[in-house]
Amino acid sequence: FPLLYGPAKSFRTAKPGKKATGPSVLIIPTYRAGATDIGDRVASVCIFKNKVIAIFGMGAIGAPVAIELALNGCSHLIVIDHDIVEPGNSIRWPLGATAWGMRKTTAVKQHVESEYTGV
């Protein structure tokens, strides 16, 4: 939000013949955070909040779906896959080379827990 500051006279209209001096402006970024934030801002995603959703397979479709559900406020995800992330998978997989050698379920779990609150 913008914060205007300065001496009181900088907020008044200048007298005729005088140079106007306005207040200084400082832009302060504000961020929302917390488990209820996504539901407060986007009411349509509240439907995911108290649901349990299971996804079978963390491949090129399952992993992005899990991440999108977490992003949209799903508070309880069950992800099921027996595979590990291999270099060949990373071209189709959302987490890339940082997840090589990890179980797909572990990689998605760690990513979701570190990026999205309340899941």
PDB file of N, CA and C in Angstrom:
ATOM      1  N   PHE A   1       0.833  -1.171   0.000  1.00  0.00           N
ATOM      2  CA  PHE A   1       0.000   0.000   0.000  1.00  0.00           C
ATOM      3  C   PHE A   1       0.878   1.233   0.000  1.00  0.00           C
ATOM      4  N   PRO A   2       0.358   2.344  -0.524  1.00  0.00           N
ATOM      5  CA  PRO A   2       1.161   3.576  -0.523  1.00  0.00           C
ATOM      6  C   PRO A   2       1.062   4.280   0.828  1.00  0.00           C
ATOM      7  N   LEU A   3       2.181   4.745   1.316  1.00  0.00           N
ATOM      8  CA  LEU A   3       2.239   5.509   2.564  1.00  0.00           C
ATOM      9  C   LEU A   3       2.727   6.907   2.222  1.00  0.00           C
ATOM     10  N   LEU A   4       1.912   7.904   2.533  1.00  0.00           N
ATOM     11  CA  LEU A   4       2.290   9.298   2.314  1.00  0.00           C
ATOM     12  C   LEU A   4       2.813   9.848   3.631  1.00  0.00           C
ATOM     13  N   TYR A   5       3.958  10.509   3.585  1.00  0.00           N
ATOM     14  CA  TYR A   5       4.509  11.069   4.814  1.00  0.00           C
ATOM     15  C   TYR A   5       5.192  12.394   4.520  1.00  0.00           C
ATOM     16  N   GLY A   6       5.362  13.197   5.554  1.00  0.00           N
ATOM     17  CA  GLY A   6       6.000  14.498   5.424  1.00  0.00           C
ATOM     18  C   GLY A   6       5.414  15.464   6.440  1.00  0.00           C
ATOM     19  N   PRO A   7       5.915  16.704   6.463  1.00  0.00           N
ATOM     20  CA  PRO A   7       5.364  17.691   7.397  1.00  0.00           C
ATOM     21  C   PRO A   7       3.918  18.033   7.024  1.00  0.00           C
ATOM     22  N   ALA A   8       3.161  18.519   7.991  1.00  0.00           N
ATOM     23  CA  ALA A   8       1.741  18.828   7.779  1.00  0.00           C
ATOM     24  C   ALA A   8       1.528  19.777   6.608  1.00  0.00           C
ATOM     25  N   LYS A   9       2.425  20.750   6.424  1.00  0.00           N
ATOM     26  CA  LYS A   9       2.234  21.723   5.342  1.00  0.00           C
ATOM     27  C   LYS A   9       2.330  21.083   3.959  1.00  0.00           C
ATOM     28  N   SER A  10       2.974  19.929   3.853  1.00  0.00           N
ATOM     29  CA  SER A  10       3.084  19.278   2.542  1.00  0.00           C
ATOM     30  C   SER A  10       1.759  18.662   2.101  1.00  0.00           C
ATOM     31  N   PHE A  11       0.801  18.542   3.013  1.00  0.00           N
ATOM     32  CA  PHE A  11      -0.509  17.990   2.675  1.00  0.00           C
ATOM     33  C   PHE A  11      -1.530  19.086   2.348  1.00  0.00           C
ATOM     34  N   ARG A  12      -1.158  20.336   2.530  1.00  0.00           N
ATOM     35  CA  ARG A  12      -2.067  21.458   2.263  1.00  0.00           C
ATOM     36  C   ARG A  12      -1.851  21.982   0.842  1.00  0.00           C
ATOM     37  N   THR A  13      -2.872  22.648   0.323  1.00  0.00           N
ATOM     38  CA  THR A  13      -2.768  23.290  -0.985  1.00  0.00           C
ATOM     39  C   THR A  13      -1.868  24.515  -0.847  1.00  0.00           C
ATOM     40  N   ALA A  14      -0.965  24.697  -1.792  1.00  0.00           N
ATOM     41  CA  ALA A  14      -0.029  25.829  -1.744  1.00  0.00           C
ATOM     42  C   ALA A  14      -0.761  27.143  -1.985  1.00  0.00           C
ATOM     43  N   LYS A  15      -0.295  28.196  -1.330  1.00  0.00           N
ATOM     44  CA  LYS A  15      -0.855  29.541  -1.521  1.00  0.00           C
ATOM     45  C   LYS A  15      -0.435  30.047  -2.896  1.00  0.00           C
ATOM     46  N   PRO A  16      -1.227  30.937  -3.473  1.00  0.00           N
ATOM     47  CA  PRO A  16      -0.864  31.481  -4.792  1.00  0.00           C
ATOM     48  C   PRO A  16       0.531  32.101  -4.766  1.00  0.00           C
ATOM     49  N   GLY A  17       1.326  31.794  -5.765  1.00  0.00           N
ATOM     50  CA  GLY A  17       2.677  32.329  -5.883  1.00  0.00           C
ATOM     51  C   GLY A  17       3.723  31.522  -5.137  1.00  0.00           C
ATOM     52  N   LYS A  18       3.305  30.548  -4.357  1.00  0.00           N
ATOM     53  CA  LYS A  18       4.257  29.706  -3.617  1.00  0.00           C
ATOM     54  C   LYS A  18       4.420  28.368  -4.335  1.00  0.00           C
ATOM     55  N   LYS A  19       5.575  27.809  -4.195  1.00  0.00           N
ATOM     56  CA  LYS A  19       5.845  26.503  -4.797  1.00  0.00           C
ATOM     57  C   LYS A  19       5.178  25.407  -3.954  1.00  0.00           C
ATOM     58  N   ALA A  20       4.444  24.525  -4.628  1.00  0.00           N
ATOM     59  CA  ALA A  20       3.774  23.425  -3.929  1.00  0.00           C
ATOM     60  C   ALA A  20       4.783  22.330  -3.611  1.00  0.00           C
ATOM     61  N   THR A  21       4.753  21.879  -2.389  1.00  0.00           N
ATOM     62  CA  THR A  21       5.577  20.731  -2.003  1.00  0.00           C
ATOM     63  C   THR A  21       4.633  19.648  -1.515  1.00  0.00           C
ATOM     64  N   GLY A  22       4.671  18.541  -2.163  1.00  0.00           N
ATOM     65  CA  GLY A  22       3.775  17.444  -1.786  1.00  0.00           C
ATOM     66  C   GLY A  22       4.436  16.500  -0.803  1.00  0.00           C
ATOM     67  N   PRO A  23       3.662  15.624  -0.259  1.00  0.00           N
ATOM     68  CA  PRO A  23       4.219  14.641   0.666  1.00  0.00           C
ATOM     69  C   PRO A  23       5.079  13.626  -0.084  1.00  0.00           C
ATOM     70  N   SER A  24       5.929  12.970   0.640  1.00  0.00           N
ATOM     71  CA  SER A  24       6.726  11.890   0.058  1.00  0.00           C
ATOM     72  C   SER A  24       5.868  10.629   0.010  1.00  0.00           C
ATOM     73  N   VAL A  25       6.164   9.774  -0.941  1.00  0.00           N
ATOM     74  CA  VAL A  25       5.398   8.542  -1.104  1.00  0.00           C
ATOM     75  C   VAL A  25       6.337   7.359  -0.942  1.00  0.00           C
ATOM     76  N   LEU A  26       5.903   6.408  -0.149  1.00  0.00           N
ATOM     77  CA  LEU A  26       6.652   5.172   0.049  1.00  0.00           C
ATOM     78  C   LEU A  26       5.691   4.026  -0.216  1.00  0.00           C
ATOM     79  N   ILE A  27       6.056   3.122  -1.107  1.00  0.00           N
ATOM     80  CA  ILE A  27       5.220   1.961  -1.392  1.00  0.00           C
ATOM     81  C   ILE A  27       5.689   0.823  -0.490  1.00  0.00           C
ATOM     82  N   ILE A  28       4.769   0.307   0.307  1.00  0.00           N
ATOM     83  CA  ILE A  28       5.091  -0.785   1.222  1.00  0.00           C
ATOM     84  C   ILE A  28       4.392  -2.039   0.716  1.00  0.00           C
ATOM     85  N   PRO A  29       5.151  -3.059   0.320  1.00  0.00           N
ATOM     86  CA  PRO A  29       4.499  -4.292  -0.131  1.00  0.00           C
ATOM     87  C   PRO A  29       3.875  -5.022   1.055  1.00  0.00           C
ATOM     88  N   THR A  30       2.687  -5.542   0.850  1.00  0.00           N
ATOM     89  CA  THR A  30       2.029  -6.325   1.890  1.00  0.00           C
ATOM     90  C   THR A  30       1.709  -7.697   1.326  1.00  0.00           C
ATOM     91  N   TYR A  31       1.845  -8.687   2.143  1.00  0.00           N
ATOM     92  CA  TYR A  31       1.608 -10.063   1.721  1.00  0.00           C
ATOM     93  C   TYR A  31       0.668 -10.735   2.705  1.00  0.00           C
ATOM     94  N   ARG A  32      -0.211 -11.532   2.187  1.00  0.00           N
ATOM     95  CA  ARG A  32      -1.068 -12.335   3.048  1.00  0.00           C
ATOM     96  C   ARG A  32      -0.399 -13.681   3.245  1.00  0.00           C
ATOM     97  N   ALA A  33      -0.617 -14.244   4.382  1.00  0.00           N
ATOM     98  CA  ALA A  33      -0.069 -15.574   4.631  1.00  0.00           C
ATOM     99  C   ALA A  33      -0.943 -16.271   5.652  1.00  0.00           C
ATOM    100  N   GLY A  34      -0.955 -17.557   5.569  1.00  0.00           N
ATOM    101  CA  GLY A  34      -1.703 -18.332   6.538  1.00  0.00           C
ATOM    102  C   GLY A  34      -2.575 -19.364   5.861  1.00  0.00           C
ATOM    103  N   ALA A  35      -3.041 -20.290   6.668  1.00  0.00           N
ATOM    104  CA  ALA A  35      -3.817 -21.409   6.139  1.00  0.00           C
ATOM    105  C   ALA A  35      -5.139 -20.968   5.524  1.00  0.00           C
ATOM    106  N   THR A  36      -5.730 -19.873   5.994  1.00  0.00           N
ATOM    107  CA  THR A  36      -7.030 -19.442   5.469  1.00  0.00           C
ATOM    108  C   THR A  36      -6.903 -18.461   4.313  1.00  0.00           C
ATOM    109  N   ASP A  37      -5.714 -18.060   3.979  1.00  0.00           N
ATOM    110  CA  ASP A  37      -5.518 -17.014   2.973  1.00  0.00           C
ATOM    111  C   ASP A  37      -6.146 -17.350   1.629  1.00  0.00           C
ATOM    112  N   ILE A  38      -5.887 -18.524   1.094  1.00  0.00           N
ATOM    113  CA  ILE A  38      -6.386 -18.857  -0.243  1.00  0.00           C
ATOM    114  C   ILE A  38      -7.909 -18.881  -0.260  1.00  0.00           C
ATOM    115  N   GLY A  39      -8.537 -19.393   0.786  1.00  0.00           N
ATOM    116  CA  GLY A  39      -9.992 -19.428   0.845  1.00  0.00           C
ATOM    117  C   GLY A  39     -10.607 -18.058   1.014  1.00  0.00           C
ATOM    118  N   ASP A  40      -9.912 -17.172   1.724  1.00  0.00           N
ATOM    119  CA  ASP A  40     -10.413 -15.811   1.911  1.00  0.00           C
ATOM    120  C   ASP A  40     -10.396 -15.030   0.603  1.00  0.00           C
ATOM    121  N   ARG A  41      -9.400 -15.268  -0.217  1.00  0.00           N
ATOM    122  CA  ARG A  41      -9.263 -14.502  -1.458  1.00  0.00           C
ATOM    123  C   ARG A  41     -10.047 -15.098  -2.612  1.00  0.00           C
ATOM    124  N   VAL A  42     -10.116 -16.417  -2.679  1.00  0.00           N
ATOM    125  CA  VAL A  42     -10.777 -17.090  -3.799  1.00  0.00           C
ATOM    126  C   VAL A  42     -11.767 -18.105  -3.222  1.00  0.00           C
ATOM    127  N   ALA A  43     -12.995 -17.668  -3.068  1.00  0.00           N
ATOM    128  CA  ALA A  43     -13.995 -18.498  -2.391  1.00  0.00           C
ATOM    129  C   ALA A  43     -14.249 -19.829  -3.094  1.00  0.00           C
ATOM    130  N   SER A  44     -14.101 -19.879  -4.405  1.00  0.00           N
ATOM    131  CA  SER A  44     -14.407 -21.108  -5.139  1.00  0.00           C
ATOM    132  C   SER A  44     -13.458 -22.251  -4.812  1.00  0.00           C
ATOM    133  N   VAL A  45     -12.274 -21.970  -4.268  1.00  0.00           N
ATOM    134  CA  VAL A  45     -11.346 -23.055  -3.940  1.00  0.00           C
ATOM    135  C   VAL A  45     -11.580 -23.615  -2.547  1.00  0.00           C
ATOM    136  N   CYS A  46     -12.498 -23.034  -1.789  1.00  0.00           N
ATOM    137  CA  CYS A  46     -12.802 -23.553  -0.454  1.00  0.00           C
ATOM    138  C   CYS A  46     -13.346 -24.974  -0.507  1.00  0.00           C
ATOM    139  N   ILE A  47     -13.845 -25.398  -1.655  1.00  0.00           N
ATOM    140  CA  ILE A  47     -14.395 -26.751  -1.757  1.00  0.00           C
ATOM    141  C   ILE A  47     -13.328 -27.812  -1.519  1.00  0.00           C
ATOM    142  N   PHE A  48     -12.057 -27.482  -1.705  1.00  0.00           N
ATOM    143  CA  PHE A  48     -10.977 -28.443  -1.504  1.00  0.00           C
ATOM    144  C   PHE A  48     -10.506 -28.524  -0.055  1.00  0.00           C
ATOM    145  N   LYS A  49     -10.879 -27.559   0.768  1.00  0.00           N
ATOM    146  CA  LYS A  49     -10.279 -27.412   2.091  1.00  0.00           C
ATOM    147  C   LYS A  49     -10.427 -28.647   2.978  1.00  0.00           C
ATOM    148  N   ASN A  50     -11.591 -29.212   3.105  1.00  0.00           N
ATOM    149  CA  ASN A  50     -11.809 -30.339   4.018  1.00  0.00           C
ATOM    150  C   ASN A  50     -11.986 -31.664   3.285  1.00  0.00           C
ATOM    151  N   LYS A  51     -11.482 -31.751   2.094  1.00  0.00           N
ATOM    152  CA  LYS A  51     -11.598 -32.977   1.302  1.00  0.00           C
ATOM    153  C   LYS A  51     -10.313 -33.795   1.397  1.00  0.00           C
ATOM    154  N   VAL A  52     -10.466 -35.107   1.294  1.00  0.00           N
ATOM    155  CA  VAL A  52      -9.321 -36.006   1.179  1.00  0.00           C
ATOM    156  C   VAL A  52      -9.295 -36.456  -0.274  1.00  0.00           C
ATOM    157  N   ILE A  53      -8.188 -36.177  -0.961  1.00  0.00           N
ATOM    158  CA  ILE A  53      -8.070 -36.514  -2.376  1.00  0.00           C
ATOM    159  C   ILE A  53      -6.870 -37.425  -2.559  1.00  0.00           C
ATOM    160  N   ALA A  54      -7.087 -38.562  -3.219  1.00  0.00           N
ATOM    161  CA  ALA A  54      -6.007 -39.507  -3.504  1.00  0.00           C
ATOM    162  C   ALA A  54      -5.674 -39.434  -4.988  1.00  0.00           C
ATOM    163  N   ILE A  55      -4.384 -39.446  -5.283  1.00  0.00           N
ATOM    164  CA  ILE A  55      -3.915 -39.436  -6.670  1.00  0.00           C
ATOM    165  C   ILE A  55      -3.022 -40.653  -6.852  1.00  0.00           C
ATOM    166  N   PHE A  56      -3.372 -41.496  -7.793  1.00  0.00           N
ATOM    167  CA  PHE A  56      -2.599 -42.693  -8.090  1.00  0.00           C
ATOM    168  C   PHE A  56      -1.686 -42.398  -9.271  1.00  0.00           C
ATOM    169  N   GLY A  57      -0.393 -42.366  -9.018  1.00  0.00           N
ATOM    170  CA  GLY A  57       0.590 -42.087 -10.057  1.00  0.00           C
ATOM    171  C   GLY A  57       1.055 -40.646 -10.008  1.00  0.00           C
ATOM    172  N   MET A  58       2.357 -40.481  -9.833  1.00  0.00           N
ATOM    173  CA  MET A  58       2.956 -39.148  -9.760  1.00  0.00           C
ATOM    174  C   MET A  58       3.785 -38.871 -11.007  1.00  0.00           C
ATOM    175  N   GLY A  59       3.249 -39.231 -12.143  1.00  0.00           N
ATOM    176  CA  GLY A  59       3.957 -39.015 -13.397  1.00  0.00           C
ATOM    177  C   GLY A  59       3.694 -37.633 -13.970  1.00  0.00           C
ATOM    178  N   ALA A  60       3.664 -37.571 -15.296  1.00  0.00           N
ATOM    179  CA  ALA A  60       3.526 -36.297 -16.005  1.00  0.00           C
ATOM    180  C   ALA A  60       2.165 -35.644 -15.795  1.00  0.00           C
ATOM    181  N   ILE A  61       1.181 -36.407 -15.342  1.00  0.00           N
ATOM    182  CA  ILE A  61      -0.138 -35.842 -15.050  1.00  0.00           C
ATOM    183  C   ILE A  61      -0.369 -35.753 -13.544  1.00  0.00           C
ATOM    184  N   GLY A  62      -0.082 -36.811 -12.818  1.00  0.00           N
ATOM    185  CA  GLY A  62      -0.371 -36.858 -11.384  1.00  0.00           C
ATOM    186  C   GLY A  62       0.367 -35.826 -10.551  1.00  0.00           C
ATOM    187  N   ALA A  63       1.654 -35.625 -10.810  1.00  0.00           N
ATOM    188  CA  ALA A  63       2.438 -34.667 -10.017  1.00  0.00           C
ATOM    189  C   ALA A  63       1.941 -33.230 -10.206  1.00  0.00           C
ATOM    190  N   PRO A  64       1.731 -32.757 -11.437  1.00  0.00           N
ATOM    191  CA  PRO A  64       1.189 -31.404 -11.589  1.00  0.00           C
ATOM    192  C   PRO A  64      -0.211 -31.252 -10.981  1.00  0.00           C
ATOM    193  N   VAL A  65      -1.027 -32.308 -11.058  1.00  0.00           N
ATOM    194  CA  VAL A  65      -2.362 -32.247 -10.450  1.00  0.00           C
ATOM    195  C   VAL A  65      -2.239 -32.094  -8.938  1.00  0.00           C
ATOM    196  N   ALA A  66      -1.349 -32.861  -8.313  1.00  0.00           N
ATOM    197  CA  ALA A  66      -1.140 -32.761  -6.863  1.00  0.00           C
ATOM    198  C   ALA A  66      -0.685 -31.356  -6.472  1.00  0.00           C
ATOM    199  N   ILE A  67       0.233 -30.803  -7.238  1.00  0.00           N
ATOM    200  CA  ILE A  67       0.743 -29.458  -6.942  1.00  0.00           C
ATOM    201  C   ILE A  67      -0.363 -28.416  -7.115  1.00  0.00           C
ATOM    202  N   GLU A  68      -1.167 -28.537  -8.158  1.00  0.00           N
ATOM    203  CA  GLU A  68      -2.272 -27.591  -8.373  1.00  0.00           C
ATOM    204  C   GLU A  68      -3.332 -27.701  -7.283  1.00  0.00           C
ATOM    205  N   LEU A  69      -3.635 -28.919  -6.842  1.00  0.00           N
ATOM    206  CA  LEU A  69      -4.603 -29.078  -5.755  1.00  0.00           C
ATOM    207  C   LEU A  69      -4.091 -28.415  -4.481  1.00  0.00           C
ATOM    208  N   ALA A  70      -2.811 -28.598  -4.181  1.00  0.00           N
ATOM    209  CA  ALA A  70      -2.225 -27.954  -2.999  1.00  0.00           C
ATOM    210  C   ALA A  70      -2.264 -26.437  -3.140  1.00  0.00           C
ATOM    211  N   LEU A  71      -1.934 -25.950  -4.311  1.00  0.00           N
ATOM    212  CA  LEU A  71      -1.959 -24.512  -4.577  1.00  0.00           C
ATOM    213  C   LEU A  71      -3.355 -23.932  -4.376  1.00  0.00           C
ATOM    214  N   ASN A  72      -4.366 -24.729  -4.670  1.00  0.00           N
ATOM    215  CA  ASN A  72      -5.749 -24.271  -4.564  1.00  0.00           C
ATOM    216  C   ASN A  72      -6.417 -24.645  -3.250  1.00  0.00           C
ATOM    217  N   GLY A  73      -5.626 -24.968  -2.235  1.00  0.00           N
ATOM    218  CA  GLY A  73      -6.156 -25.108  -0.889  1.00  0.00           C
ATOM    219  C   GLY A  73      -6.527 -26.491  -0.427  1.00  0.00           C
ATOM    220  N   CYS A  74      -6.230 -27.531  -1.185  1.00  0.00           N
ATOM    221  CA  CYS A  74      -6.526 -28.886  -0.726  1.00  0.00           C
ATOM    222  C   CYS A  74      -5.679 -29.169   0.510  1.00  0.00           C
ATOM    223  N   SER A  75      -6.333 -29.519   1.609  1.00  0.00           N
ATOM    224  CA  SER A  75      -5.603 -29.675   2.864  1.00  0.00           C
ATOM    225  C   SER A  75      -5.194 -31.112   3.160  1.00  0.00           C
ATOM    226  N   HIS A  76      -5.664 -32.074   2.379  1.00  0.00           N
ATOM    227  CA  HIS A  76      -5.284 -33.466   2.637  1.00  0.00           C
ATOM    228  C   HIS A  76      -5.146 -34.219   1.315  1.00  0.00           C
ATOM    229  N   LEU A  77      -3.912 -34.430   0.901  1.00  0.00           N
ATOM    230  CA  LEU A  77      -3.615 -35.172  -0.327  1.00  0.00           C
ATOM    231  C   LEU A  77      -2.985 -36.512   0.025  1.00  0.00           C
ATOM    232  N   ILE A  78      -3.400 -37.547  -0.674  1.00  0.00           N
ATOM    233  CA  ILE A  78      -2.744 -38.849  -0.578  1.00  0.00           C
ATOM    234  C   ILE A  78      -2.175 -39.130  -1.964  1.00  0.00           C
ATOM    235  N   VAL A  79      -0.851 -39.260  -2.048  1.00  0.00           N
ATOM    236  CA  VAL A  79      -0.213 -39.523  -3.342  1.00  0.00           C
ATOM    237  C   VAL A  79       0.395 -40.918  -3.316  1.00  0.00           C
ATOM    238  N   ILE A  80       0.152 -41.670  -4.385  1.00  0.00           N
ATOM    239  CA  ILE A  80       0.571 -43.067  -4.438  1.00  0.00           C
ATOM    240  C   ILE A  80       1.353 -43.310  -5.722  1.00  0.00           C
ATOM    241  N   ASP A  81       2.583 -43.791  -5.568  1.00  0.00           N
ATOM    242  CA  ASP A  81       3.433 -44.146  -6.703  1.00  0.00           C
ATOM    243  C   ASP A  81       4.622 -44.918  -6.157  1.00  0.00           C
ATOM    244  N   HIS A  82       5.096 -45.895  -6.875  1.00  0.00           N
ATOM    245  CA  HIS A  82       6.235 -46.701  -6.422  1.00  0.00           C
ATOM    246  C   HIS A  82       7.544 -46.289  -7.088  1.00  0.00           C
ATOM    247  N   ASP A  83       7.484 -45.388  -8.036  1.00  0.00           N
ATOM    248  CA  ASP A  83       8.624 -45.066  -8.891  1.00  0.00           C
ATOM    249  C   ASP A  83       9.514 -43.981  -8.278  1.00  0.00           C
ATOM    250  N   ILE A  84      10.738 -43.887  -8.816  1.00  0.00           N
ATOM    251  CA  ILE A  84      11.650 -42.804  -8.451  1.00  0.00           C
ATOM    252  C   ILE A  84      11.790 -41.861  -9.648  1.00  0.00           C
ATOM    253  N   VAL A  85      12.265 -40.662  -9.371  1.00  0.00           N
ATOM    254  CA  VAL A  85      12.475 -39.682 -10.441  1.00  0.00           C
ATOM    255  C   VAL A  85      13.810 -39.983 -11.110  1.00  0.00           C
ATOM    256  N   GLU A  86      13.776 -40.188 -12.409  1.00  0.00           N
ATOM    257  CA  GLU A  86      14.985 -40.462 -13.184  1.00  0.00           C
ATOM    258  C   GLU A  86      15.243 -39.278 -14.117  1.00  0.00           C
ATOM    259  N   PRO A  87      16.489 -39.112 -14.573  1.00  0.00           N
ATOM    260  CA  PRO A  87      16.782 -37.992 -15.477  1.00  0.00           C
ATOM    261  C   PRO A  87      15.857 -37.935 -16.694  1.00  0.00           C
ATOM    262  N   GLY A  88      15.485 -39.077 -17.229  1.00  0.00           N
ATOM    263  CA  GLY A  88      14.594 -39.110 -18.389  1.00  0.00           C
ATOM    264  C   GLY A  88      13.193 -38.609 -18.086  1.00  0.00           C
ATOM    265  N   ASN A  89      12.770 -38.715 -16.816  1.00  0.00           N
ATOM    266  CA  ASN A  89      11.441 -38.244 -16.413  1.00  0.00           C
ATOM    267  C   ASN A  89      11.370 -36.728 -16.331  1.00  0.00           C
ATOM    268  N   SER A  90      12.485 -36.092 -16.073  1.00  0.00           N
ATOM    269  CA  SER A  90      12.447 -34.678 -15.694  1.00  0.00           C
ATOM    270  C   SER A  90      11.968 -33.753 -16.808  1.00  0.00           C
ATOM    271  N   ILE A  91      11.999 -34.197 -18.055  1.00  0.00           N
ATOM    272  CA  ILE A  91      11.490 -33.343 -19.128  1.00  0.00           C
ATOM    273  C   ILE A  91       9.973 -33.204 -19.042  1.00  0.00           C
ATOM    274  N   ARG A  92       9.316 -34.205 -18.453  1.00  0.00           N
ATOM    275  CA  ARG A  92       7.859 -34.184 -18.314  1.00  0.00           C
ATOM    276  C   ARG A  92       7.419 -33.928 -16.882  1.00  0.00           C
ATOM    277  N   TRP A  93       8.357 -33.765 -15.984  1.00  0.00           N
ATOM    278  CA  TRP A  93       8.023 -33.719 -14.564  1.00  0.00           C
ATOM    279  C   TRP A  93       8.219 -32.328 -14.001  1.00  0.00           C
ATOM    280  N   PRO A  94       7.346 -31.840 -13.119  1.00  0.00           N
ATOM    281  CA  PRO A  94       7.397 -30.438 -12.689  1.00  0.00           C
ATOM    282  C   PRO A  94       8.565 -30.048 -11.789  1.00  0.00           C
ATOM    283  N   LEU A  95       9.200 -30.985 -11.104  1.00  0.00           N
ATOM    284  CA  LEU A  95      10.234 -30.603 -10.141  1.00  0.00           C
ATOM    285  C   LEU A  95      11.654 -30.677 -10.679  1.00  0.00           C
ATOM    286  N   GLY A  96      11.862 -31.254 -11.825  1.00  0.00           N
ATOM    287  CA  GLY A  96      13.162 -31.206 -12.486  1.00  0.00           C
ATOM    288  C   GLY A  96      14.283 -31.977 -11.816  1.00  0.00           C
ATOM    289  N   ALA A  97      15.513 -31.549 -12.097  1.00  0.00           N
ATOM    290  CA  ALA A  97      16.724 -32.272 -11.700  1.00  0.00           C
ATOM    291  C   ALA A  97      16.938 -32.330 -10.193  1.00  0.00           C
ATOM    292  N   THR A  98      16.374 -31.406  -9.440  1.00  0.00           N
ATOM    293  CA  THR A  98      16.573 -31.426  -7.985  1.00  0.00           C
ATOM    294  C   THR A  98      15.957 -32.659  -7.343  1.00  0.00           C
ATOM    295  N   ALA A  99      15.040 -33.312  -8.036  1.00  0.00           N
ATOM    296  CA  ALA A  99      14.365 -34.487  -7.479  1.00  0.00           C
ATOM    297  C   ALA A  99      14.940 -35.810  -7.979  1.00  0.00           C
ATOM    298  N   TRP A 100      15.962 -35.788  -8.823  1.00  0.00           N
ATOM    299  CA  TRP A 100      16.523 -37.036  -9.352  1.00  0.00           C
ATOM    300  C   TRP A 100      16.913 -37.976  -8.224  1.00  0.00           C
ATOM    301  N   GLY A 101      16.532 -39.234  -8.372  1.00  0.00           N
ATOM    302  CA  GLY A 101      16.888 -40.255  -7.389  1.00  0.00           C
ATOM    303  C   GLY A 101      15.931 -40.343  -6.214  1.00  0.00           C
ATOM    304  N   MET A 102      15.038 -39.396  -6.064  1.00  0.00           N
ATOM    305  CA  MET A 102      14.067 -39.428  -4.961  1.00  0.00           C
ATOM    306  C   MET A 102      12.828 -40.208  -5.381  1.00  0.00           C
ATOM    307  N   ARG A 103      12.126 -40.741  -4.390  1.00  0.00           N
ATOM    308  CA  ARG A 103      10.818 -41.318  -4.685  1.00  0.00           C
ATOM    309  C   ARG A 103       9.911 -40.174  -5.137  1.00  0.00           C
ATOM    310  N   LYS A 104       9.097 -40.415  -6.131  1.00  0.00           N
ATOM    311  CA  LYS A 104       8.223 -39.359  -6.645  1.00  0.00           C
ATOM    312  C   LYS A 104       7.298 -38.826  -5.554  1.00  0.00           C
ATOM    313  N   THR A 105       6.782 -39.727  -4.727  1.00  0.00           N
ATOM    314  CA  THR A 105       5.883 -39.298  -3.656  1.00  0.00           C
ATOM    315  C   THR A 105       6.602 -38.399  -2.658  1.00  0.00           C
ATOM    316  N   THR A 106       7.838 -38.735  -2.321  1.00  0.00           N
ATOM    317  CA  THR A 106       8.616 -37.927  -1.376  1.00  0.00           C
ATOM    318  C   THR A 106       8.921 -36.556  -1.963  1.00  0.00           C
ATOM    319  N   ALA A 107       9.303 -36.521  -3.223  1.00  0.00           N
ATOM    320  CA  ALA A 107       9.633 -35.246  -3.870  1.00  0.00           C
ATOM    321  C   ALA A 107       8.422 -34.316  -3.910  1.00  0.00           C
ATOM    322  N   VAL A 108       7.264 -34.847  -4.270  1.00  0.00           N
ATOM    323  CA  VAL A 108       6.048 -34.028  -4.319  1.00  0.00           C
ATOM    324  C   VAL A 108       5.664 -33.578  -2.913  1.00  0.00           C
ATOM    325  N   LYS A 109       5.750 -34.481  -1.946  1.00  0.00           N
ATOM    326  CA  LYS A 109       5.412 -34.144  -0.557  1.00  0.00           C
ATOM    327  C   LYS A 109       6.294 -33.009  -0.042  1.00  0.00           C
ATOM    328  N   GLN A 110       7.599 -33.120  -0.241  1.00  0.00           N
ATOM    329  CA  GLN A 110       8.517 -32.079   0.230  1.00  0.00           C
ATOM    330  C   GLN A 110       8.242 -30.742  -0.455  1.00  0.00           C
ATOM    331  N   HIS A 111       7.984 -30.782  -1.746  1.00  0.00           N
ATOM    332  CA  HIS A 111       7.707 -29.545  -2.484  1.00  0.00           C
ATOM    333  C   HIS A 111       6.428 -28.880  -1.973  1.00  0.00           C
ATOM    334  N   VAL A 112       5.373 -29.659  -1.839  1.00  0.00           N
ATOM    335  CA  VAL A 112       4.086 -29.115  -1.398  1.00  0.00           C
ATOM    336  C   VAL A 112       4.185 -28.562   0.019  1.00  0.00           C
ATOM    337  N   GLU A 113       4.830 -29.296   0.922  1.00  0.00           N
ATOM    338  CA  GLU A 113       4.946 -28.838   2.309  1.00  0.00           C
ATOM    339  C   GLU A 113       5.792 -27.577   2.435  1.00  0.00           C
ATOM    340  N   SER A 114       6.793 -27.434   1.574  1.00  0.00           N
ATOM    341  CA  SER A 114       7.645 -26.245   1.669  1.00  0.00           C
ATOM    342  C   SER A 114       7.030 -25.021   0.989  1.00  0.00           C
ATOM    343  N   GLU A 115       6.162 -25.234   0.019  1.00  0.00           N
ATOM    344  CA  GLU A 115       5.619 -24.115  -0.753  1.00  0.00           C
ATOM    345  C   GLU A 115       4.217 -23.669  -0.351  1.00  0.00           C
ATOM    346  N   TYR A 116       3.400 -24.571   0.157  1.00  0.00           N
ATOM    347  CA  TYR A 116       1.993 -24.257   0.405  1.00  0.00           C
ATOM    348  C   TYR A 116       1.628 -24.571   1.849  1.00  0.00           C
ATOM    349  N   THR A 117       1.042 -23.606   2.542  1.00  0.00           N
ATOM    350  CA  THR A 117       0.679 -23.794   3.942  1.00  0.00           C
ATOM    351  C   THR A 117      -0.631 -24.559   4.069  1.00  0.00           C
ATOM    352  N   GLY A 118      -0.758 -25.294   5.142  1.00  0.00           N
ATOM    353  CA  GLY A 118      -2.010 -25.962   5.455  1.00  0.00           C
ATOM    354  C   GLY A 118      -2.258 -27.267   4.737  1.00  0.00           C
ATOM    355  N   VAL A 119      -1.289 -27.780   3.981  1.00  0.00           N
ATOM    356  CA  VAL A 119      -1.493 -29.044   3.257  1.00  0.00           C
ATOM    357  C   VAL A 119      -0.809 -30.157   4.012  1.00  0.00           C
TER     358      VAL A 119
END
